Amino acid sequence: MRFITRDSTLGCRIRNLSETGARVQVTNSYWVPDLFELEIAYHDIRVPAKVVWRTAEELGIRFEANRRGMMTSAKQEEKVIQLKAERERLQQRVRELTEE
């Protein structure tokens, strides 16, 4: 499970997975924010999710639509982030060279 901020991750066990949501088992559900990204690395899936109910060790989540639809490829999304960072570095270098 990956939070939207991407600053933290939390291991989980997915139960009752459907097209619209899932029941997720965690060690402490109170660490999980109401909105986060669920990443299932084995299936290369990343999807925004919203908590609709919680107990101490379980969450009921609903998948939320993002700007490109529901699920995205985790690997492709990471590559896009890397390419954007590289583009910014190159643009900065071009600015430095043109100022000299």
C-alpha atoms as a PDB file:
ATOM      1  CA  MET A   1       0.000   0.000   0.000  1.00  0.00           C
ATOM      2  CA  ARG A   2       1.405   3.381  -0.863  1.00  0.00           C
ATOM      3  CA  PHE A   3       0.086   6.671   0.487  1.00  0.00           C
ATOM      4  CA  ILE A   4      -0.705   9.498  -1.917  1.00  0.00           C
ATOM      5  CA  THR A   5       2.155  11.550  -0.496  1.00  0.00           C
ATOM      6  CA  ARG A   6       4.539   8.721  -1.464  1.00  0.00           C
ATOM      7  CA  ASP A   7       6.506   9.429   1.693  1.00  0.00           C
ATOM      8  CA  SER A   8       5.513   6.173   3.356  1.00  0.00           C
ATOM      9  CA  THR A   9       4.539   2.631   2.532  1.00  0.00           C
ATOM     10  CA  LEU A  10       2.716   0.047   4.571  1.00  0.00           C
ATOM     11  CA  GLY A  11       2.531  -3.653   3.882  1.00  0.00           C
ATOM     12  CA  CYS A  12      -0.933  -5.152   3.700  1.00  0.00           C
ATOM     13  CA  ARG A  13      -2.896  -8.222   2.708  1.00  0.00           C
ATOM     14  CA  ILE A  14      -5.688  -7.707   0.193  1.00  0.00           C
ATOM     15  CA  ARG A  15      -8.942  -9.545   0.776  1.00  0.00           C
ATOM     16  CA  ASN A  16     -12.175  -9.612  -1.249  1.00  0.00           C
ATOM     17  CA  LEU A  17     -10.768  -7.677  -4.201  1.00  0.00           C
ATOM     18  CA  SER A  18     -13.347  -6.440  -6.707  1.00  0.00           C
ATOM     19  CA  GLU A  19     -13.408  -3.913  -9.555  1.00  0.00           C
ATOM     20  CA  THR A  20     -14.671  -1.192  -7.208  1.00  0.00           C
ATOM     21  CA  GLY A  21     -12.789  -1.863  -3.964  1.00  0.00           C
ATOM     22  CA  ALA A  22     -11.347  -4.312  -1.482  1.00  0.00           C
ATOM     23  CA  ARG A  23     -11.049  -5.337   2.121  1.00  0.00           C
ATOM     24  CA  VAL A  24      -7.464  -4.738   3.261  1.00  0.00           C
ATOM     25  CA  GLN A  25      -5.792  -6.282   6.293  1.00  0.00           C
ATOM     26  CA  VAL A  26      -3.049  -4.269   8.047  1.00  0.00           C
ATOM     27  CA  THR A  27      -1.341  -4.351  11.442  1.00  0.00           C
ATOM     28  CA  ASN A  28      -2.797  -0.986  12.502  1.00  0.00           C
ATOM     29  CA  SER A  29      -5.400   0.693  10.299  1.00  0.00           C
ATOM     30  CA  TYR A  30      -5.174   3.985  12.188  1.00  0.00           C
ATOM     31  CA  TRP A  31      -1.844   4.732  10.480  1.00  0.00           C
ATOM     32  CA  VAL A  32      -3.597   4.712   7.100  1.00  0.00           C
ATOM     33  CA  PRO A  33      -4.919   8.070   5.839  1.00  0.00           C
ATOM     34  CA  ASP A  34      -8.437   8.315   4.421  1.00  0.00           C
ATOM     35  CA  LEU A  35      -7.028   8.780   0.897  1.00  0.00           C
ATOM     36  CA  PHE A  36      -4.030   6.852  -0.430  1.00  0.00           C
ATOM     37  CA  GLU A  37      -2.752   4.906  -3.413  1.00  0.00           C
ATOM     38  CA  LEU A  38      -2.967   1.132  -3.328  1.00  0.00           C
ATOM     39  CA  GLU A  39      -0.127  -0.477  -5.231  1.00  0.00           C
ATOM     40  CA  ILE A  40      -0.164  -4.158  -6.104  1.00  0.00           C
ATOM     41  CA  ALA A  41       3.354  -4.619  -7.430  1.00  0.00           C
ATOM     42  CA  TYR A  42       2.846  -8.238  -8.504  1.00  0.00           C
ATOM     43  CA  HIS A  43       0.130  -7.134 -10.933  1.00  0.00           C
ATOM     44  CA  ASP A  44       1.785  -3.754 -11.745  1.00  0.00           C
ATOM     45  CA  ILE A  45      -1.315  -1.860 -10.578  1.00  0.00           C
ATOM     46  CA  ARG A  46      -1.599   1.466  -8.801  1.00  0.00           C
ATOM     47  CA  VAL A  47      -5.025   2.909  -7.991  1.00  0.00           C
ATOM     48  CA  PRO A  48      -6.231   5.801  -5.817  1.00  0.00           C
ATOM     49  CA  ALA A  49      -8.325   4.522  -2.900  1.00  0.00           C
ATOM     50  CA  LYS A  50     -10.581   5.926  -0.198  1.00  0.00           C
ATOM     51  CA  VAL A  51     -11.298   4.338   3.188  1.00  0.00           C
ATOM     52  CA  VAL A  52     -15.048   3.763   3.625  1.00  0.00           C
ATOM     53  CA  TRP A  53     -14.838   1.832   6.899  1.00  0.00           C
ATOM     54  CA  ARG A  54     -12.131   0.687   9.301  1.00  0.00           C
ATOM     55  CA  THR A  55     -11.524  -1.535  12.287  1.00  0.00           C
ATOM     56  CA  ALA A  56      -8.266  -1.830  14.217  1.00  0.00           C
ATOM     57  CA  GLU A  57      -6.753  -4.222  11.655  1.00  0.00           C
ATOM     58  CA  GLU A  58      -8.912  -3.951   8.528  1.00  0.00           C
ATOM     59  CA  LEU A  59     -10.018  -1.347   6.033  1.00  0.00           C
ATOM     60  CA  GLY A  60     -12.846  -1.304   3.554  1.00  0.00           C
ATOM     61  CA  ILE A  61     -11.656   0.738   0.574  1.00  0.00           C
ATOM     62  CA  ARG A  62     -13.297   2.070  -2.570  1.00  0.00           C
ATOM     63  CA  PHE A  63     -11.233   2.699  -5.670  1.00  0.00           C
ATOM     64  CA  GLU A  64     -11.359   6.306  -6.832  1.00  0.00           C
ATOM     65  CA  ALA A  65     -11.050   7.478 -10.424  1.00  0.00           C
ATOM     66  CA  ASN A  66      -7.940   9.436 -11.314  1.00  0.00           C
ATOM     67  CA  ARG A  67      -7.406  11.713 -14.293  1.00  0.00           C
ATOM     68  CA  ARG A  68      -6.553   8.781 -16.565  1.00  0.00           C
ATOM     69  CA  GLY A  69      -9.257   6.442 -15.352  1.00  0.00           C
ATOM     70  CA  MET A  70      -9.075   3.928 -12.534  1.00  0.00           C
ATOM     71  CA  MET A  71      -5.879   1.890 -12.468  1.00  0.00           C
ATOM     72  CA  THR A  72      -2.470   2.827 -13.769  1.00  0.00           C
ATOM     73  CA  SER A  73       0.728   0.912 -14.245  1.00  0.00           C
ATOM     74  CA  ALA A  74       3.008   1.439 -11.251  1.00  0.00           C
ATOM     75  CA  LYS A  75       6.120   0.856 -13.365  1.00  0.00           C
ATOM     76  CA  GLN A  76       5.029   3.312 -16.043  1.00  0.00           C
ATOM     77  CA  GLU A  77       4.113   5.939 -13.459  1.00  0.00           C
ATOM     78  CA  GLU A  78       7.533   5.653 -11.789  1.00  0.00           C
ATOM     79  CA  LYS A  79       9.210   5.982 -15.193  1.00  0.00           C
ATOM     80  CA  VAL A  80       7.205   9.157 -15.932  1.00  0.00           C
ATOM     81  CA  ILE A  81       8.317  10.630 -12.590  1.00  0.00           C
ATOM     82  CA  GLN A  82      11.952   9.802 -13.377  1.00  0.00           C
ATOM     83  CA  LEU A  83      11.707  11.295 -16.876  1.00  0.00           C
ATOM     84  CA  LYS A  84      10.124  14.511 -15.567  1.00  0.00           C
ATOM     85  CA  ALA A  85      12.939  14.882 -13.034  1.00  0.00           C
ATOM     86  CA  GLU A  86      15.535  14.270 -15.755  1.00  0.00           C
ATOM     87  CA  ARG A  87      13.838  16.822 -18.030  1.00  0.00           C
ATOM     88  CA  GLU A  88      13.948  19.403 -15.223  1.00  0.00           C
ATOM     89  CA  ARG A  89      17.661  18.721 -14.661  1.00  0.00           C
ATOM     90  CA  LEU A  90      18.362  19.132 -18.380  1.00  0.00           C
ATOM     91  CA  GLN A  91      16.324  22.333 -18.609  1.00  0.00           C
ATOM     92  CA  GLN A  92      18.239  23.732 -15.637  1.00  0.00           C
ATOM     93  CA  ARG A  93      21.534  22.843 -17.310  1.00  0.00           C
ATOM     94  CA  VAL A  94      20.442  24.555 -20.544  1.00  0.00           C
ATOM     95  CA  ARG A  95      19.557  27.697 -18.545  1.00  0.00           C
ATOM     96  CA  GLU A  96      22.981  27.620 -16.882  1.00  0.00           C
ATOM     97  CA  LEU A  97      24.790  27.237 -20.200  1.00  0.00           C
ATOM     98  CA  THR A  98      22.838  30.012 -21.926  1.00  0.00           C
ATOM     99  CA  GLU A  99      23.576  32.425 -19.059  1.00  0.00           C
ATOM    100  CA  GLU A 100      27.355  31.949 -19.373  1.00  0.00           C
END
